[in-house]
PDB file of N, CA and C in Angstrom:
ATOM      1  N   MET A   1     -33.518  -9.721 -18.630  1.00  0.00           N
ATOM      2  CA  MET A   1     -33.974  -9.857 -20.099  1.00  0.00           C
ATOM      3  C   MET A   1     -35.335 -10.211 -20.163  1.00  0.00           C
ATOM      4  N   SER A   2     -36.127  -9.486 -20.907  1.00  0.00           N
ATOM      5  CA  SER A   2     -37.510  -9.449 -21.330  1.00  0.00           C
ATOM      6  C   SER A   2     -37.803 -10.883 -22.220  1.00  0.00           C
ATOM      7  N   ASP A   3     -38.967 -11.139 -22.491  1.00  0.00           N
ATOM      8  CA  ASP A   3     -39.496 -11.953 -23.137  1.00  0.00           C
ATOM      9  C   ASP A   3     -40.595 -11.818 -23.819  1.00  0.00           C
ATOM     10  N   MET A   4     -41.219 -12.440 -25.046  1.00  0.00           N
ATOM     11  CA  MET A   4     -42.967 -12.019 -25.302  1.00  0.00           C
ATOM     12  C   MET A   4     -43.991 -12.025 -24.374  1.00  0.00           C
ATOM     13  N   SER A   5     -43.499 -12.740 -23.622  1.00  0.00           N
ATOM     14  CA  SER A   5     -45.148 -12.166 -21.878  1.00  0.00           C
ATOM     15  C   SER A   5     -44.709 -10.638 -21.438  1.00  0.00           C
ATOM     16  N   ASP A   6     -43.624  -9.810 -21.524  1.00  0.00           N
ATOM     17  CA  ASP A   6     -42.937  -8.538 -21.003  1.00  0.00           C
ATOM     18  C   ASP A   6     -44.149  -7.581 -22.450  1.00  0.00           C
ATOM     19  N   MET A   7     -44.194  -8.119 -23.248  1.00  0.00           N
ATOM     20  CA  MET A   7     -44.743  -7.366 -23.990  1.00  0.00           C
ATOM     21  C   MET A   7     -45.797  -6.823 -24.392  1.00  0.00           C
ATOM     22  N   ASN A   8     -46.611  -8.349 -24.405  1.00  0.00           N
ATOM     23  CA  ASN A   8     -47.581  -8.558 -23.892  1.00  0.00           C
ATOM     24  C   ASN A   8     -48.484  -8.175 -22.801  1.00  0.00           C
ATOM     25  N   HIS A   9     -47.840  -7.363 -22.024  1.00  0.00           N
ATOM     26  CA  HIS A   9     -48.428  -7.168 -20.501  1.00  0.00           C
ATOM     27  C   HIS A   9     -47.419  -5.783 -19.971  1.00  0.00           C
ATOM     28  N   ASN A  10     -47.698  -4.829 -20.524  1.00  0.00           N
ATOM     29  CA  ASN A  10     -47.117  -3.202 -20.234  1.00  0.00           C
ATOM     30  C   ASN A  10     -47.974  -2.280 -19.073  1.00  0.00           C
ATOM     31  N   ASN A  11     -47.054  -2.387 -18.517  1.00  0.00           N
ATOM     32  CA  ASN A  11     -47.569  -1.244 -17.238  1.00  0.00           C
ATOM     33  C   ASN A  11     -47.886  -0.142 -17.966  1.00  0.00           C
ATOM     34  N   ASN A  12     -48.799   0.753 -17.081  1.00  0.00           N
ATOM     35  CA  ASN A  12     -49.679   2.042 -17.724  1.00  0.00           C
ATOM     36  C   ASN A  12     -48.481   2.890 -18.253  1.00  0.00           C
ATOM     37  N   ASN A  13     -47.620   2.619 -18.167  1.00  0.00           N
ATOM     38  CA  ASN A  13     -46.549   3.546 -18.717  1.00  0.00           C
ATOM     39  C   ASN A  13     -45.496   3.577 -19.773  1.00  0.00           C
ATOM     40  N   GLU A  14     -45.885   2.306 -20.177  1.00  0.00           N
ATOM     41  CA  GLU A  14     -45.328   1.362 -21.189  1.00  0.00           C
ATOM     42  C   GLU A  14     -46.173   0.760 -22.461  1.00  0.00           C
ATOM     43  N   HIS A  15     -46.324   1.612 -23.757  1.00  0.00           N
ATOM     44  CA  HIS A  15     -47.504   1.076 -24.413  1.00  0.00           C
ATOM     45  C   HIS A  15     -46.683   0.490 -25.697  1.00  0.00           C
ATOM     46  N   PRO A  16     -47.416  -0.152 -26.556  1.00  0.00           N
ATOM     47  CA  PRO A  16     -46.835  -1.267 -27.413  1.00  0.00           C
ATOM     48  C   PRO A  16     -46.531  -0.049 -28.693  1.00  0.00           C
ATOM     49  N   ASP A  17     -45.891   0.004 -29.909  1.00  0.00           N
ATOM     50  CA  ASP A  17     -46.504   0.892 -30.924  1.00  0.00           C
ATOM     51  C   ASP A  17     -46.949  -0.374 -31.937  1.00  0.00           C
ATOM     52  N   PHE A  18     -48.504   0.620 -31.860  1.00  0.00           N
ATOM     53  CA  PHE A  18     -49.075  -0.389 -32.508  1.00  0.00           C
ATOM     54  C   PHE A  18     -49.246  -0.615 -34.266  1.00  0.00           C
ATOM     55  N   ASN A  19     -47.835   0.085 -34.887  1.00  0.00           N
ATOM     56  CA  ASN A  19     -47.684   0.267 -36.118  1.00  0.00           C
ATOM     57  C   ASN A  19     -46.645  -1.320 -36.625  1.00  0.00           C
ATOM     58  N   GLU A  20     -46.120  -1.683 -35.338  1.00  0.00           N
ATOM     59  CA  GLU A  20     -44.824  -2.313 -35.283  1.00  0.00           C
ATOM     60  C   GLU A  20     -45.694  -4.020 -34.882  1.00  0.00           C
ATOM     61  N   ILE A  21     -46.542  -3.795 -34.323  1.00  0.00           N
ATOM     62  CA  ILE A  21     -47.343  -5.253 -33.828  1.00  0.00           C
ATOM     63  C   ILE A  21     -48.737  -5.454 -34.471  1.00  0.00           C
ATOM     64  N   SER A  22     -48.797  -6.713 -34.763  1.00  0.00           N
ATOM     65  CA  SER A  22     -50.179  -7.334 -35.448  1.00  0.00           C
ATOM     66  C   SER A  22     -51.068  -8.358 -34.676  1.00  0.00           C
ATOM     67  N   GLY A  23     -51.904  -8.560 -35.170  1.00  0.00           N
ATOM     68  CA  GLY A  23     -52.649 -10.491 -35.012  1.00  0.00           C
ATOM     69  C   GLY A  23     -53.025 -10.204 -33.531  1.00  0.00           C
ATOM     70  N   GLU A  24     -53.024 -10.852 -32.910  1.00  0.00           N
ATOM     71  CA  GLU A  24     -53.358 -11.378 -31.671  1.00  0.00           C
ATOM     72  C   GLU A  24     -52.878 -10.798 -30.803  1.00  0.00           C
ATOM     73  N   GLU A  25     -51.434 -10.203 -31.013  1.00  0.00           N
ATOM     74  CA  GLU A  25     -50.549  -9.135 -30.157  1.00  0.00           C
ATOM     75  C   GLU A  25     -51.210  -8.076 -30.460  1.00  0.00           C
ATOM     76  N   LYS A  26     -51.629  -7.471 -31.096  1.00  0.00           N
ATOM     77  CA  LYS A  26     -52.267  -6.054 -31.407  1.00  0.00           C
ATOM     78  C   LYS A  26     -53.622  -5.954 -30.522  1.00  0.00           C
ATOM     79  N   LEU A  27     -54.807  -7.178 -30.875  1.00  0.00           N
ATOM     80  CA  LEU A  27     -55.782  -7.347 -30.129  1.00  0.00           C
ATOM     81  C   LEU A  27     -55.440  -7.376 -28.531  1.00  0.00           C
ATOM     82  N   GLN A  28     -54.695  -8.170 -27.995  1.00  0.00           N
ATOM     83  CA  GLN A  28     -53.852  -8.434 -26.636  1.00  0.00           C
ATOM     84  C   GLN A  28     -53.927  -6.836 -26.226  1.00  0.00           C
ATOM     85  N   ALA A  29     -53.278  -5.715 -26.858  1.00  0.00           N
ATOM     86  CA  ALA A  29     -52.276  -4.881 -26.993  1.00  0.00           C
ATOM     87  C   ALA A  29     -53.219  -3.834 -26.372  1.00  0.00           C
ATOM     88  N   LEU A  30     -54.816  -3.824 -27.950  1.00  0.00           N
ATOM     89  CA  LEU A  30     -55.999  -2.809 -27.160  1.00  0.00           C
ATOM     90  C   LEU A  30     -57.362  -3.497 -26.253  1.00  0.00           C
ATOM     91  N   ARG A  31     -56.907  -4.628 -26.148  1.00  0.00           N
ATOM     92  CA  ARG A  31     -57.794  -4.401 -25.224  1.00  0.00           C
ATOM     93  C   ARG A  31     -56.932  -4.391 -23.388  1.00  0.00           C
ATOM     94  N   ASP A  32     -55.643  -4.142 -23.329  1.00  0.00           N
ATOM     95  CA  ASP A  32     -55.752  -4.422 -22.232  1.00  0.00           C
ATOM     96  C   ASP A  32     -55.004  -2.584 -21.412  1.00  0.00           C
ATOM     97  N   LEU A  33     -55.701  -1.637 -22.562  1.00  0.00           N
ATOM     98  CA  LEU A  33     -55.863  -0.683 -22.534  1.00  0.00           C
ATOM     99  C   LEU A  33     -57.040  -0.293 -21.767  1.00  0.00           C
ATOM    100  N   ILE A  34     -56.464   0.728 -20.223  1.00  0.00           N
ATOM    101  CA  ILE A  34     -57.679   0.831 -19.822  1.00  0.00           C
ATOM    102  C   ILE A  34     -57.539   2.471 -19.219  1.00  0.00           C
ATOM    103  N   GLU A  35     -56.663   3.216 -20.278  1.00  0.00           N
ATOM    104  CA  GLU A  35     -56.498   4.749 -20.149  1.00  0.00           C
ATOM    105  C   GLU A  35     -55.843   5.373 -21.244  1.00  0.00           C
ATOM    106  N   LEU A  36     -56.240   6.313 -21.870  1.00  0.00           N
ATOM    107  CA  LEU A  36     -55.588   6.812 -23.022  1.00  0.00           C
ATOM    108  C   LEU A  36     -55.116   8.488 -22.754  1.00  0.00           C
ATOM    109  N   THR A  37     -53.918   8.866 -22.400  1.00  0.00           N
ATOM    110  CA  THR A  37     -53.115   9.920 -21.728  1.00  0.00           C
ATOM    111  C   THR A  37     -52.214  10.386 -22.686  1.00  0.00           C
ATOM    112  N   ASP A  38     -51.863   9.763 -23.227  1.00  0.00           N
ATOM    113  CA  ASP A  38     -50.991   9.675 -24.425  1.00  0.00           C
ATOM    114  C   ASP A  38     -50.981  10.218 -25.602  1.00  0.00           C
ATOM    115  N   THR A  39     -50.799  11.585 -25.974  1.00  0.00           N
ATOM    116  CA  THR A  39     -51.762  11.567 -27.464  1.00  0.00           C
ATOM    117  C   THR A  39     -51.303  10.838 -28.643  1.00  0.00           C
ATOM    118  N   HIS A  40     -49.604  10.632 -28.917  1.00  0.00           N
ATOM    119  CA  HIS A  40     -49.036   9.884 -29.856  1.00  0.00           C
ATOM    120  C   HIS A  40     -50.002   8.194 -29.791  1.00  0.00           C
ATOM    121  N   LEU A  41     -50.659   7.442 -28.350  1.00  0.00           N
ATOM    122  CA  LEU A  41     -50.826   6.626 -28.130  1.00  0.00           C
ATOM    123  C   LEU A  41     -52.594   6.264 -28.691  1.00  0.00           C
ATOM    124  N   THR A  42     -52.816   7.748 -28.562  1.00  0.00           N
ATOM    125  CA  THR A  42     -54.967   7.676 -28.917  1.00  0.00           C
ATOM    126  C   THR A  42     -54.313   8.159 -30.546  1.00  0.00           C
ATOM    127  N   GLN A  43     -53.440   8.654 -31.113  1.00  0.00           N
ATOM    128  CA  GLN A  43     -53.281   9.228 -32.051  1.00  0.00           C
ATOM    129  C   GLN A  43     -53.210   7.439 -32.966  1.00  0.00           C
ATOM    130  N   GLN A  44     -52.954   6.797 -32.268  1.00  0.00           N
ATOM    131  CA  GLN A  44     -52.603   5.225 -33.039  1.00  0.00           C
ATOM    132  C   GLN A  44     -53.954   4.709 -32.831  1.00  0.00           C
ATOM    133  N   VAL A  45     -54.007   4.481 -32.135  1.00  0.00           N
ATOM    134  CA  VAL A  45     -55.574   3.387 -31.471  1.00  0.00           C
ATOM    135  C   VAL A  45     -56.685   4.599 -32.202  1.00  0.00           C
ATOM    136  N   LEU A  46     -56.895   5.701 -32.905  1.00  0.00           N
ATOM    137  CA  LEU A  46     -57.763   6.201 -33.586  1.00  0.00           C
ATOM    138  C   LEU A  46     -57.426   5.890 -35.143  1.00  0.00           C
ATOM    139  N   ALA A  47     -56.507   5.626 -35.430  1.00  0.00           N
ATOM    140  CA  ALA A  47     -55.721   5.550 -36.532  1.00  0.00           C
ATOM    141  C   ALA A  47     -56.321   4.172 -37.001  1.00  0.00           C
ATOM    142  N   ILE A  48     -56.149   3.296 -36.205  1.00  0.00           N
ATOM    143  CA  ILE A  48     -56.909   2.003 -35.659  1.00  0.00           C
ATOM    144  C   ILE A  48     -58.022   1.811 -36.258  1.00  0.00           C
ATOM    145  N   GLY A  49     -59.045   1.850 -35.405  1.00  0.00           N
ATOM    146  CA  GLY A  49     -60.339   2.092 -35.272  1.00  0.00           C
ATOM    147  C   GLY A  49     -61.031   2.881 -36.151  1.00  0.00           C
ATOM    148  N   MET A  50     -60.577   4.003 -37.464  1.00  0.00           N
ATOM    149  CA  MET A  50     -60.509   4.116 -38.952  1.00  0.00           C
ATOM    150  C   MET A  50     -60.176   3.588 -40.135  1.00  0.00           C
ATOM    151  N   ASP A  51     -60.013   2.639 -40.056  1.00  0.00           N
ATOM    152  CA  ASP A  51     -58.692   2.209 -40.730  1.00  0.00           C
ATOM    153  C   ASP A  51     -59.112   0.867 -41.605  1.00  0.00           C
ATOM    154  N   THR A  52     -59.849   0.871 -42.277  1.00  0.00           N
ATOM    155  CA  THR A  52     -61.087   0.040 -42.929  1.00  0.00           C
ATOM    156  C   THR A  52     -60.143  -1.434 -43.653  1.00  0.00           C
ATOM    157  N   HIS A  53     -58.827  -0.917 -43.812  1.00  0.00           N
ATOM    158  CA  HIS A  53     -57.794  -2.207 -43.555  1.00  0.00           C
ATOM    159  C   HIS A  53     -57.678  -3.302 -42.983  1.00  0.00           C
ATOM    160  N   GLU A  54     -57.917  -2.401 -41.602  1.00  0.00           N
ATOM    161  CA  GLU A  54     -57.904  -3.600 -40.008  1.00  0.00           C
ATOM    162  C   GLU A  54     -58.883  -4.264 -39.777  1.00  0.00           C
ATOM    163  N   GLU A  55     -58.567  -5.583 -38.933  1.00  0.00           N
ATOM    164  CA  GLU A  55     -59.085  -6.853 -38.861  1.00  0.00           C
ATOM    165  C   GLU A  55     -60.495  -5.518 -37.517  1.00  0.00           C
ATOM    166  N   ASP A  56     -61.749  -6.097 -38.599  1.00  0.00           N
ATOM    167  CA  ASP A  56     -62.804  -5.799 -37.383  1.00  0.00           C
ATOM    168  C   ASP A  56     -62.323  -6.119 -35.456  1.00  0.00           C
ATOM    169  N   LEU A  57     -62.247  -6.640 -35.689  1.00  0.00           N
ATOM    170  CA  LEU A  57     -61.822  -7.113 -33.707  1.00  0.00           C
ATOM    171  C   LEU A  57     -61.093  -6.364 -33.569  1.00  0.00           C
ATOM    172  N   ASN A  58     -60.166  -5.623 -34.015  1.00  0.00           N
ATOM    173  CA  ASN A  58     -58.518  -4.431 -33.907  1.00  0.00           C
ATOM    174  C   ASN A  58     -59.545  -3.493 -34.054  1.00  0.00           C
ATOM    175  N   ARG A  59     -60.613  -3.681 -34.804  1.00  0.00           N
ATOM    176  CA  ARG A  59     -61.250  -1.597 -35.271  1.00  0.00           C
ATOM    177  C   ARG A  59     -62.121  -1.731 -33.914  1.00  0.00           C
ATOM    178  N   ILE A  60     -63.045  -2.883 -33.449  1.00  0.00           N
ATOM    179  CA  ILE A  60     -63.725  -2.692 -32.864  1.00  0.00           C
ATOM    180  C   ILE A  60     -63.537  -2.277 -30.925  1.00  0.00           C
ATOM    181  N   GLU A  61     -62.302  -2.608 -31.044  1.00  0.00           N
ATOM    182  CA  GLU A  61     -61.197  -2.839 -29.224  1.00  0.00           C
ATOM    183  C   GLU A  61     -60.639  -1.357 -29.111  1.00  0.00           C
ATOM    184  N   ALA A  62     -59.954  -1.236 -30.721  1.00  0.00           N
ATOM    185  CA  ALA A  62     -60.051   0.688 -30.624  1.00  0.00           C
ATOM    186  C   ALA A  62     -60.837   1.440 -30.655  1.00  0.00           C
ATOM    187  N   TRP A  63     -62.244   1.220 -30.595  1.00  0.00           N
ATOM    188  CA  TRP A  63     -62.955   2.132 -30.373  1.00  0.00           C
ATOM    189  C   TRP A  63     -63.364   1.415 -28.585  1.00  0.00           C
ATOM    190  N   ARG A  64     -63.627   0.698 -28.168  1.00  0.00           N
ATOM    191  CA  ARG A  64     -63.454   0.458 -26.759  1.00  0.00           C
ATOM    192  C   ARG A  64     -62.598   1.188 -26.037  1.00  0.00           C
ATOM    193  N   ALA A  65     -61.527   1.548 -26.978  1.00  0.00           N
ATOM    194  CA  ALA A  65     -60.417   1.863 -26.062  1.00  0.00           C
ATOM    195  C   ALA A  65     -60.572   3.508 -26.476  1.00  0.00           C
ATOM    196  N   LEU A  66     -61.009   4.023 -27.039  1.00  0.00           N
ATOM    197  CA  LEU A  66     -61.620   5.116 -27.124  1.00  0.00           C
ATOM    198  C   LEU A  66     -62.747   5.192 -26.145  1.00  0.00           C
ATOM    199  N   GLY A  67     -63.287   4.865 -25.811  1.00  0.00           N
ATOM    200  CA  GLY A  67     -64.309   5.520 -25.059  1.00  0.00           C
ATOM    201  C   GLY A  67     -66.176   5.636 -26.246  1.00  0.00           C
ATOM    202  N   MET A  68     -65.411   5.283 -27.127  1.00  0.00           N
ATOM    203  CA  MET A  68     -66.733   6.248 -28.207  1.00  0.00           C
ATOM    204  C   MET A  68     -67.369   4.706 -29.015  1.00  0.00           C
ATOM    205  N   ALA A  69     -67.252   3.710 -28.804  1.00  0.00           N
ATOM    206  CA  ALA A  69     -68.005   2.604 -29.535  1.00  0.00           C
ATOM    207  C   ALA A  69     -69.312   3.201 -29.358  1.00  0.00           C
ATOM    208  N   GLY A  70     -70.054   3.265 -28.093  1.00  0.00           N
ATOM    209  CA  GLY A  70     -71.483   3.509 -28.944  1.00  0.00           C
ATOM    210  C   GLY A  70     -72.443   4.535 -28.701  1.00  0.00           C
ATOM    211  N   SER A  71     -71.432   5.504 -29.353  1.00  0.00           N
ATOM    212  CA  SER A  71     -71.844   7.162 -28.909  1.00  0.00           C
ATOM    213  C   SER A  71     -71.277   7.610 -29.993  1.00  0.00           C
ATOM    214  N   SER A  72     -69.911   6.911 -31.066  1.00  0.00           N
ATOM    215  CA  SER A  72     -69.572   8.246 -31.251  1.00  0.00           C
ATOM    216  C   SER A  72     -70.112   8.807 -32.708  1.00  0.00           C
ATOM    217  N   ALA A  73     -69.938   9.773 -33.009  1.00  0.00           N
ATOM    218  CA  ALA A  73     -70.990  10.172 -34.647  1.00  0.00           C
ATOM    219  C   ALA A  73     -69.946  10.173 -35.443  1.00  0.00           C
ATOM    220  N   LEU A  74     -68.788   9.560 -35.062  1.00  0.00           N
ATOM    221  CA  LEU A  74     -67.861   9.189 -36.248  1.00  0.00           C
ATOM    222  C   LEU A  74     -68.822   7.123 -37.094  1.00  0.00           C
ATOM    223  N   LEU A  75     -69.162   7.037 -35.856  1.00  0.00           N
ATOM    224  CA  LEU A  75     -69.967   5.447 -36.437  1.00  0.00           C
ATOM    225  C   LEU A  75     -71.378   5.795 -36.752  1.00  0.00           C
ATOM    226  N   GLY A  76     -71.554   7.008 -37.191  1.00  0.00           N
ATOM    227  CA  GLY A  76     -73.043   7.582 -37.743  1.00  0.00           C
ATOM    228  C   GLY A  76     -74.003   7.578 -36.214  1.00  0.00           C
ATOM    229  N   ASN A  77     -73.877   7.918 -35.529  1.00  0.00           N
ATOM    230  CA  ASN A  77     -74.803   8.154 -34.230  1.00  0.00           C
ATOM    231  C   ASN A  77     -75.041   9.310 -34.151  1.00  0.00           C
ATOM    232  N   PRO A  78     -76.134  10.210 -34.506  1.00  0.00           N
ATOM    233  CA  PRO A  78     -76.438  11.693 -34.202  1.00  0.00           C
ATOM    234  C   PRO A  78     -76.715  12.009 -32.977  1.00  0.00           C
ATOM    235  N   SER A  79     -77.166  11.556 -32.033  1.00  0.00           N
ATOM    236  CA  SER A  79     -77.259  11.449 -30.461  1.00  0.00           C
ATOM    237  C   SER A  79     -76.796  11.867 -29.568  1.00  0.00           C
ATOM    238  N   CYS A  80     -75.012  11.456 -30.292  1.00  0.00           N
ATOM    239  CA  CYS A  80     -74.075  11.346 -29.334  1.00  0.00           C
ATOM    240  C   CYS A  80     -73.841  13.147 -28.872  1.00  0.00           C
ATOM    241  N   CYS A  81     -74.074  13.865 -29.290  1.00  0.00           N
ATOM    242  CA  CYS A  81     -74.122  15.358 -29.630  1.00  0.00           C
ATOM    243  C   CYS A  81     -74.848  16.441 -28.480  1.00  0.00           C
ATOM    244  N   ARG A  82     -75.804  15.400 -28.253  1.00  0.00           N
ATOM    245  CA  ARG A  82     -77.354  16.167 -27.950  1.00  0.00           C
ATOM    246  C   ARG A  82     -76.580  16.961 -26.329  1.00  0.00           C
ATOM    247  N   ALA A  83     -75.862  16.181 -25.707  1.00  0.00           N
ATOM    248  CA  ALA A  83     -75.354  16.938 -24.407  1.00  0.00           C
ATOM    249  C   ALA A  83     -74.440  18.069 -24.837  1.00  0.00           C
ATOM    250  N   THR A  84     -74.433  18.090 -26.065  1.00  0.00           N
ATOM    251  CA  THR A  84     -72.690  18.960 -25.624  1.00  0.00           C
ATOM    252  C   THR A  84     -73.572  20.517 -27.297  1.00  0.00           C
ATOM    253  N   CYS A  85     -74.331  19.911 -28.146  1.00  0.00           N
ATOM    254  CA  CYS A  85     -74.744  20.647 -29.010  1.00  0.00           C
ATOM    255  C   CYS A  85     -75.942  21.499 -28.759  1.00  0.00           C
ATOM    256  N   SER A  86     -76.780  21.324 -27.557  1.00  0.00           N
ATOM    257  CA  SER A  86     -77.593  22.027 -27.033  1.00  0.00           C
ATOM    258  C   SER A  86     -77.556  24.010 -26.918  1.00  0.00           C
TER     259      SER A  86
END
């Protein structure tokens, strides 16, 4: 049998459906992400980061999980492309 703690502590092969969770559970699931190898999961996390109706903490954790929080052109930092645009 599984309980709520199982949902909050997913292993690397089992990720929550971010469309089905909210609040603290969503925030914790985003914090627990250490790598994004699944295209569907990556798209969900990117959508959270871009959604202006999403809670700010969730958006911040989504960008952190994507590894873009400090250098994304989507966040208005044009210096992110210096290494690749030359």
